[in-house]
Amino acid sequence: CTSKAMKETSTIMGYTDIIEKAGGKIVCDTCMVVSPIEKMGYKTTGVNSGKAANYLPGFCKQNVVFNNIDELIKGVM
């Protein structure tokens, strides 16, 4: 989950296409904890936020991978 501005930057730089072609999805302008992420079909979510890592398993039934962005991206490439 990121800001709309960051998603737009990602799209301009070509990263959004790479992530989506790999099966990922960039969600913007919402809090992951209150988003319907499990209804979107996701079971595992990669985050760089300690808060999200703490709340996602309980609120959204997610397995969480916690790391910095560079390592999260490397992990799905």
PDB file of N, CA and C in Angstrom:
ATOM      1  N   CYS A   1       0.846  -1.163   0.000  1.00  0.00           N
ATOM      2  CA  CYS A   1       0.000   0.000   0.000  1.00  0.00           C
ATOM      3  C   CYS A   1       0.892   1.226   0.000  1.00  0.00           C
ATOM      4  N   THR A   2       0.574   2.177  -0.833  1.00  0.00           N
ATOM      5  CA  THR A   2       1.389   3.374  -0.957  1.00  0.00           C
ATOM      6  C   THR A   2       0.499   4.565  -1.278  1.00  0.00           C
ATOM      7  N   SER A   3       1.105   5.696  -1.448  1.00  0.00           N
ATOM      8  CA  SER A   3       0.347   6.893  -1.815  1.00  0.00           C
ATOM      9  C   SER A   3       0.078   6.897  -3.325  1.00  0.00           C
ATOM     10  N   LYS A   4      -0.922   7.656  -3.729  1.00  0.00           N
ATOM     11  CA  LYS A   4      -1.243   7.778  -5.151  1.00  0.00           C
ATOM     12  C   LYS A   4      -0.054   8.355  -5.911  1.00  0.00           C
ATOM     13  N   ALA A   5       0.621   9.332  -5.325  1.00  0.00           N
ATOM     14  CA  ALA A   5       1.777   9.952  -5.981  1.00  0.00           C
ATOM     15  C   ALA A   5       2.892   8.932  -6.214  1.00  0.00           C
ATOM     16  N   MET A   6       3.139   8.070  -5.238  1.00  0.00           N
ATOM     17  CA  MET A   6       4.190   7.065  -5.392  1.00  0.00           C
ATOM     18  C   MET A   6       3.804   6.020  -6.434  1.00  0.00           C
ATOM     19  N   LYS A   7       2.518   5.655  -6.490  1.00  0.00           N
ATOM     20  CA  LYS A   7       2.082   4.703  -7.514  1.00  0.00           C
ATOM     21  C   LYS A   7       2.241   5.315  -8.899  1.00  0.00           C
ATOM     22  N   GLU A   8       1.920   6.599  -9.044  1.00  0.00           N
ATOM     23  CA  GLU A   8       2.087   7.269 -10.331  1.00  0.00           C
ATOM     24  C   GLU A   8       3.555   7.301 -10.741  1.00  0.00           C
ATOM     25  N   THR A   9       4.441   7.557  -9.782  1.00  0.00           N
ATOM     26  CA  THR A   9       5.877   7.547 -10.062  1.00  0.00           C
ATOM     27  C   THR A   9       6.316   6.155 -10.497  1.00  0.00           C
ATOM     28  N   SER A  10       5.819   5.141  -9.816  1.00  0.00           N
ATOM     29  CA  SER A  10       6.132   3.757 -10.166  1.00  0.00           C
ATOM     30  C   SER A  10       5.683   3.438 -11.591  1.00  0.00           C
ATOM     31  N   THR A  11       4.516   3.912 -11.958  1.00  0.00           N
ATOM     32  CA  THR A  11       3.992   3.671 -13.299  1.00  0.00           C
ATOM     33  C   THR A  11       4.861   4.355 -14.345  1.00  0.00           C
ATOM     34  N   ILE A  12       5.225   5.599 -14.101  1.00  0.00           N
ATOM     35  CA  ILE A  12       6.072   6.346 -15.033  1.00  0.00           C
ATOM     36  C   ILE A  12       7.416   5.648 -15.226  1.00  0.00           C
ATOM     37  N   MET A  13       7.960   5.104 -14.152  1.00  0.00           N
ATOM     38  CA  MET A  13       9.271   4.457 -14.210  1.00  0.00           C
ATOM     39  C   MET A  13       9.200   3.014 -14.726  1.00  0.00           C
ATOM     40  N   GLY A  14       7.983   2.501 -14.936  1.00  0.00           N
ATOM     41  CA  GLY A  14       7.819   1.160 -15.473  1.00  0.00           C
ATOM     42  C   GLY A  14       7.742   0.055 -14.434  1.00  0.00           C
ATOM     43  N   TYR A  15       7.825   0.413 -13.159  1.00  0.00           N
ATOM     44  CA  TYR A  15       7.815  -0.604 -12.109  1.00  0.00           C
ATOM     45  C   TYR A  15       6.442  -1.231 -11.891  1.00  0.00           C
ATOM     46  N   THR A  16       5.391  -0.464 -12.076  1.00  0.00           N
ATOM     47  CA  THR A  16       4.041  -0.999 -11.873  1.00  0.00           C
ATOM     48  C   THR A  16       3.785  -2.170 -12.817  1.00  0.00           C
ATOM     49  N   ASP A  17       4.152  -2.019 -14.082  1.00  0.00           N
ATOM     50  CA  ASP A  17       3.974  -3.113 -15.041  1.00  0.00           C
ATOM     51  C   ASP A  17       4.756  -4.352 -14.627  1.00  0.00           C
ATOM     52  N   ILE A  18       5.996  -4.160 -14.191  1.00  0.00           N
ATOM     53  CA  ILE A  18       6.831  -5.292 -13.773  1.00  0.00           C
ATOM     54  C   ILE A  18       6.188  -6.022 -12.599  1.00  0.00           C
ATOM     55  N   ILE A  19       5.747  -5.252 -11.612  1.00  0.00           N
ATOM     56  CA  ILE A  19       5.138  -5.847 -10.416  1.00  0.00           C
ATOM     57  C   ILE A  19       3.848  -6.572 -10.767  1.00  0.00           C
ATOM     58  N   GLU A  20       2.999  -5.949 -11.581  1.00  0.00           N
ATOM     59  CA  GLU A  20       1.718  -6.564 -11.924  1.00  0.00           C
ATOM     60  C   GLU A  20       1.887  -7.781 -12.830  1.00  0.00           C
ATOM     61  N   LYS A  21       2.860  -7.749 -13.742  1.00  0.00           N
ATOM     62  CA  LYS A  21       3.117  -8.919 -14.591  1.00  0.00           C
ATOM     63  C   LYS A  21       3.633 -10.096 -13.773  1.00  0.00           C
ATOM     64  N   ALA A  22       4.263  -9.798 -12.637  1.00  0.00           N
ATOM     65  CA  ALA A  22       4.755 -10.852 -11.740  1.00  0.00           C
ATOM     66  C   ALA A  22       3.658 -11.349 -10.801  1.00  0.00           C
ATOM     67  N   GLY A  23       2.454 -10.767 -10.903  1.00  0.00           N
ATOM     68  CA  GLY A  23       1.337 -11.210 -10.073  1.00  0.00           C
ATOM     69  C   GLY A  23       1.069 -10.338  -8.865  1.00  0.00           C
ATOM     70  N   GLY A  24       1.845  -9.266  -8.715  1.00  0.00           N
ATOM     71  CA  GLY A  24       1.648  -8.360  -7.587  1.00  0.00           C
ATOM     72  C   GLY A  24       0.617  -7.295  -7.895  1.00  0.00           C
ATOM     73  N   LYS A  25       0.219  -6.593  -6.886  1.00  0.00           N
ATOM     74  CA  LYS A  25      -0.733  -5.493  -7.050  1.00  0.00           C
ATOM     75  C   LYS A  25      -0.313  -4.367  -6.131  1.00  0.00           C
ATOM     76  N   ILE A  26      -0.340  -3.154  -6.656  1.00  0.00           N
ATOM     77  CA  ILE A  26      -0.033  -1.978  -5.845  1.00  0.00           C
ATOM     78  C   ILE A  26      -1.353  -1.328  -5.467  1.00  0.00           C
ATOM     79  N   VAL A  27      -1.597  -1.224  -4.191  1.00  0.00           N
ATOM     80  CA  VAL A  27      -2.816  -0.606  -3.675  1.00  0.00           C
ATOM     81  C   VAL A  27      -2.426   0.756  -3.117  1.00  0.00           C
ATOM     82  N   CYS A  28      -3.218   1.785  -3.435  1.00  0.00           N
ATOM     83  CA  CYS A  28      -2.843   3.118  -2.957  1.00  0.00           C
ATOM     84  C   CYS A  28      -4.001   3.817  -2.249  1.00  0.00           C
ATOM     85  N   ASP A  29      -3.583   4.773  -1.433  1.00  0.00           N
ATOM     86  CA  ASP A  29      -4.489   5.669  -0.708  1.00  0.00           C
ATOM     87  C   ASP A  29      -5.506   4.960   0.188  1.00  0.00           C
ATOM     88  N   THR A  30      -5.058   3.933   0.875  1.00  0.00           N
ATOM     89  CA  THR A  30      -5.874   3.274   1.888  1.00  0.00           C
ATOM     90  C   THR A  30      -4.944   2.664   2.924  1.00  0.00           C
ATOM     91  N   CYS A  31      -5.473   2.319   4.041  1.00  0.00           N
ATOM     92  CA  CYS A  31      -4.707   1.616   5.066  1.00  0.00           C
ATOM     93  C   CYS A  31      -4.900   0.125   4.832  1.00  0.00           C
ATOM     94  N   MET A  32      -3.815  -0.607   4.715  1.00  0.00           N
ATOM     95  CA  MET A  32      -3.905  -2.044   4.451  1.00  0.00           C
ATOM     96  C   MET A  32      -4.748  -2.770   5.484  1.00  0.00           C
ATOM     97  N   VAL A  33      -4.697  -2.292   6.705  1.00  0.00           N
ATOM     98  CA  VAL A  33      -5.388  -2.981   7.793  1.00  0.00           C
ATOM     99  C   VAL A  33      -6.903  -2.927   7.621  1.00  0.00           C
ATOM    100  N   VAL A  34      -7.431  -1.876   7.001  1.00  0.00           N
ATOM    101  CA  VAL A  34      -8.879  -1.773   6.814  1.00  0.00           C
ATOM    102  C   VAL A  34      -9.306  -2.074   5.377  1.00  0.00           C
ATOM    103  N   SER A  35      -8.362  -2.432   4.525  1.00  0.00           N
ATOM    104  CA  SER A  35      -8.721  -2.778   3.150  1.00  0.00           C
ATOM    105  C   SER A  35      -9.191  -4.234   3.101  1.00  0.00           C
ATOM    106  N   PRO A  36      -9.988  -4.578   2.107  1.00  0.00           N
ATOM    107  CA  PRO A  36     -10.495  -5.958   2.016  1.00  0.00           C
ATOM    108  C   PRO A  36      -9.489  -6.887   1.336  1.00  0.00           C
ATOM    109  N   ILE A  37      -8.254  -6.874   1.813  1.00  0.00           N
ATOM    110  CA  ILE A  37      -7.173  -7.585   1.131  1.00  0.00           C
ATOM    111  C   ILE A  37      -7.433  -9.083   1.023  1.00  0.00           C
ATOM    112  N   GLU A  38      -8.025  -9.680   2.042  1.00  0.00           N
ATOM    113  CA  GLU A  38      -8.301 -11.121   1.963  1.00  0.00           C
ATOM    114  C   GLU A  38      -9.402 -11.416   0.954  1.00  0.00           C
ATOM    115  N   LYS A  39     -10.328 -10.473   0.749  1.00  0.00           N
ATOM    116  CA  LYS A  39     -11.388 -10.657  -0.245  1.00  0.00           C
ATOM    117  C   LYS A  39     -10.852 -10.489  -1.663  1.00  0.00           C
ATOM    118  N   MET A  40      -9.669  -9.877  -1.782  1.00  0.00           N
ATOM    119  CA  MET A  40      -9.022  -9.729  -3.081  1.00  0.00           C
ATOM    120  C   MET A  40      -8.275 -11.011  -3.458  1.00  0.00           C
ATOM    121  N   GLY A  41      -8.276 -11.988  -2.557  1.00  0.00           N
ATOM    122  CA  GLY A  41      -7.662 -13.271  -2.847  1.00  0.00           C
ATOM    123  C   GLY A  41      -6.247 -13.449  -2.335  1.00  0.00           C
ATOM    124  N   TYR A  42      -5.722 -12.451  -1.639  1.00  0.00           N
ATOM    125  CA  TYR A  42      -4.349 -12.541  -1.146  1.00  0.00           C
ATOM    126  C   TYR A  42      -4.289 -13.253   0.194  1.00  0.00           C
ATOM    127  N   LYS A  43      -3.277 -14.090   0.348  1.00  0.00           N
ATOM    128  CA  LYS A  43      -3.054 -14.803   1.604  1.00  0.00           C
ATOM    129  C   LYS A  43      -1.752 -14.372   2.267  1.00  0.00           C
ATOM    130  N   THR A  44      -0.837 -13.808   1.476  1.00  0.00           N
ATOM    131  CA  THR A  44       0.453 -13.353   1.984  1.00  0.00           C
ATOM    132  C   THR A  44       0.696 -11.936   1.499  1.00  0.00           C
ATOM    133  N   THR A  45       1.161 -11.076   2.399  1.00  0.00           N
ATOM    134  CA  THR A  45       1.420  -9.679   2.077  1.00  0.00           C
ATOM    135  C   THR A  45       2.814  -9.304   2.543  1.00  0.00           C
ATOM    136  N   GLY A  46       3.579  -8.672   1.649  1.00  0.00           N
ATOM    137  CA  GLY A  46       4.902  -8.172   2.003  1.00  0.00           C
ATOM    138  C   GLY A  46       4.797  -6.728   2.449  1.00  0.00           C
ATOM    139  N   VAL A  47       5.387  -6.410   3.596  1.00  0.00           N
ATOM    140  CA  VAL A  47       5.312  -5.047   4.138  1.00  0.00           C
ATOM    141  C   VAL A  47       6.660  -4.603   4.696  1.00  0.00           C
ATOM    142  N   ASN A  48       6.847  -3.280   4.732  1.00  0.00           N
ATOM    143  CA  ASN A  48       8.014  -2.705   5.404  1.00  0.00           C
ATOM    144  C   ASN A  48       7.576  -1.901   6.626  1.00  0.00           C
ATOM    145  N   SER A  49       6.364  -2.119   7.059  1.00  0.00           N
ATOM    146  CA  SER A  49       5.783  -1.403   8.190  1.00  0.00           C
ATOM    147  C   SER A  49       5.554  -2.361   9.354  1.00  0.00           C
ATOM    148  N   GLY A  50       6.166  -2.046  10.485  1.00  0.00           N
ATOM    149  CA  GLY A  50       5.960  -2.867  11.670  1.00  0.00           C
ATOM    150  C   GLY A  50       4.505  -2.887  12.107  1.00  0.00           C
ATOM    151  N   LYS A  51       3.838  -1.748  11.974  1.00  0.00           N
ATOM    152  CA  LYS A  51       2.422  -1.663  12.347  1.00  0.00           C
ATOM    153  C   LYS A  51       1.582  -2.604  11.480  1.00  0.00           C
ATOM    154  N   ALA A  52       1.800  -2.548  10.171  1.00  0.00           N
ATOM    155  CA  ALA A  52       1.050  -3.425   9.272  1.00  0.00           C
ATOM    156  C   ALA A  52       1.372  -4.888   9.551  1.00  0.00           C
ATOM    157  N   ALA A  53       2.641  -5.188   9.792  1.00  0.00           N
ATOM    158  CA  ALA A  53       3.046  -6.571  10.078  1.00  0.00           C
ATOM    159  C   ALA A  53       2.360  -7.099  11.331  1.00  0.00           C
ATOM    160  N   ASN A  54       2.119  -6.224  12.280  1.00  0.00           N
ATOM    161  CA  ASN A  54       1.457  -6.618  13.525  1.00  0.00           C
ATOM    162  C   ASN A  54      -0.046  -6.839  13.343  1.00  0.00           C
ATOM    163  N   TYR A  55      -0.697  -5.955  12.609  1.00  0.00           N
ATOM    164  CA  TYR A  55      -2.154  -6.002  12.510  1.00  0.00           C
ATOM    165  C   TYR A  55      -2.708  -6.880  11.384  1.00  0.00           C
ATOM    166  N   LEU A  56      -1.977  -7.042  10.288  1.00  0.00           N
ATOM    167  CA  LEU A  56      -2.521  -7.782   9.145  1.00  0.00           C
ATOM    168  C   LEU A  56      -2.929  -9.226   9.448  1.00  0.00           C
ATOM    169  N   PRO A  57      -2.164  -9.982  10.228  1.00  0.00           N
ATOM    170  CA  PRO A  57      -2.605 -11.362  10.489  1.00  0.00           C
ATOM    171  C   PRO A  57      -3.965 -11.439  11.187  1.00  0.00           C
ATOM    172  N   GLY A  58      -4.204 -10.582  12.142  1.00  0.00           N
ATOM    173  CA  GLY A  58      -5.454 -10.628  12.896  1.00  0.00           C
ATOM    174  C   GLY A  58      -6.635 -10.017  12.179  1.00  0.00           C
ATOM    175  N   PHE A  59      -6.430  -8.857  11.565  1.00  0.00           N
ATOM    176  CA  PHE A  59      -7.534  -8.154  10.920  1.00  0.00           C
ATOM    177  C   PHE A  59      -7.834  -8.665   9.514  1.00  0.00           C
ATOM    178  N   CYS A  60      -6.811  -9.123   8.806  1.00  0.00           N
ATOM    179  CA  CYS A  60      -6.994  -9.471   7.392  1.00  0.00           C
ATOM    180  C   CYS A  60      -6.595 -10.900   7.054  1.00  0.00           C
ATOM    181  N   LYS A  61      -6.336 -11.706   8.081  1.00  0.00           N
ATOM    182  CA  LYS A  61      -5.994 -13.117   7.868  1.00  0.00           C
ATOM    183  C   LYS A  61      -4.837 -13.285   6.885  1.00  0.00           C
ATOM    184  N   GLN A  62      -3.797 -12.486   7.039  1.00  0.00           N
ATOM    185  CA  GLN A  62      -2.654 -12.528   6.141  1.00  0.00           C
ATOM    186  C   GLN A  62      -1.428 -13.154   6.784  1.00  0.00           C
ATOM    187  N   ASN A  63      -0.689 -13.933   5.977  1.00  0.00           N
ATOM    188  CA  ASN A  63       0.675 -14.285   6.328  1.00  0.00           C
ATOM    189  C   ASN A  63       1.493 -13.056   5.960  1.00  0.00           C
ATOM    190  N   VAL A  64       2.450 -12.683   6.766  1.00  0.00           N
ATOM    191  CA  VAL A  64       3.192 -11.447   6.531  1.00  0.00           C
ATOM    192  C   VAL A  64       4.667 -11.734   6.305  1.00  0.00           C
ATOM    193  N   VAL A  65       5.211 -11.097   5.278  1.00  0.00           N
ATOM    194  CA  VAL A  65       6.650 -11.079   5.042  1.00  0.00           C
ATOM    195  C   VAL A  65       7.090  -9.657   5.358  1.00  0.00           C
ATOM    196  N   PHE A  66       7.938  -9.510   6.375  1.00  0.00           N
ATOM    197  CA  PHE A  66       8.383  -8.187   6.827  1.00  0.00           C
ATOM    198  C   PHE A  66       9.837  -7.986   6.424  1.00  0.00           C
ATOM    199  N   ASN A  67      10.091  -6.933   5.632  1.00  0.00           N
ATOM    200  CA  ASN A  67      11.452  -6.628   5.201  1.00  0.00           C
ATOM    201  C   ASN A  67      11.468  -5.230   4.606  1.00  0.00           C
ATOM    202  N   ASN A  68      12.649  -4.768   4.180  1.00  0.00           N
ATOM    203  CA  ASN A  68      12.713  -3.476   3.501  1.00  0.00           C
ATOM    204  C   ASN A  68      12.245  -3.657   2.052  1.00  0.00           C
ATOM    205  N   ILE A  69      11.895  -2.569   1.411  1.00  0.00           N
ATOM    206  CA  ILE A  69      11.313  -2.624   0.068  1.00  0.00           C
ATOM    207  C   ILE A  69      12.229  -3.338  -0.921  1.00  0.00           C
ATOM    208  N   ASP A  70      13.530  -3.020  -0.894  1.00  0.00           N
ATOM    209  CA  ASP A  70      14.455  -3.662  -1.829  1.00  0.00           C
ATOM    210  C   ASP A  70      14.405  -5.181  -1.710  1.00  0.00           C
ATOM    211  N   GLU A  71      14.431  -5.682  -0.488  1.00  0.00           N
ATOM    212  CA  GLU A  71      14.410  -7.128  -0.279  1.00  0.00           C
ATOM    213  C   GLU A  71      13.054  -7.733  -0.638  1.00  0.00           C
ATOM    214  N   LEU A  72      11.972  -7.015  -0.378  1.00  0.00           N
ATOM    215  CA  LEU A  72      10.650  -7.521  -0.758  1.00  0.00           C
ATOM    216  C   LEU A  72      10.548  -7.670  -2.274  1.00  0.00           C
ATOM    217  N   ILE A  73      11.022  -6.666  -3.003  1.00  0.00           N
ATOM    218  CA  ILE A  73      10.978  -6.719  -4.469  1.00  0.00           C
ATOM    219  C   ILE A  73      11.866  -7.847  -4.986  1.00  0.00           C
ATOM    220  N   LYS A  74      13.072  -7.971  -4.443  1.00  0.00           N
ATOM    221  CA  LYS A  74      13.970  -9.059  -4.863  1.00  0.00           C
ATOM    222  C   LYS A  74      13.320 -10.416  -4.623  1.00  0.00           C
ATOM    223  N   GLY A  75      12.566 -10.525  -3.556  1.00  0.00           N
ATOM    224  CA  GLY A  75      11.926 -11.788  -3.209  1.00  0.00           C
ATOM    225  C   GLY A  75      10.852 -12.245  -4.179  1.00  0.00           C
ATOM    226  N   VAL A  76      10.292 -11.331  -4.936  1.00  0.00           N
ATOM    227  CA  VAL A  76       9.241 -11.715  -5.885  1.00  0.00           C
ATOM    228  C   VAL A  76       9.713 -11.692  -7.329  1.00  0.00           C
ATOM    229  N   MET A  77      10.946 -11.340  -7.542  1.00  0.00           N
ATOM    230  CA  MET A  77      11.480 -11.284  -8.911  1.00  0.00           C
ATOM    231  C   MET A  77      12.064 -12.616  -9.314  1.00  0.00           C
TER     232      MET A  77
END
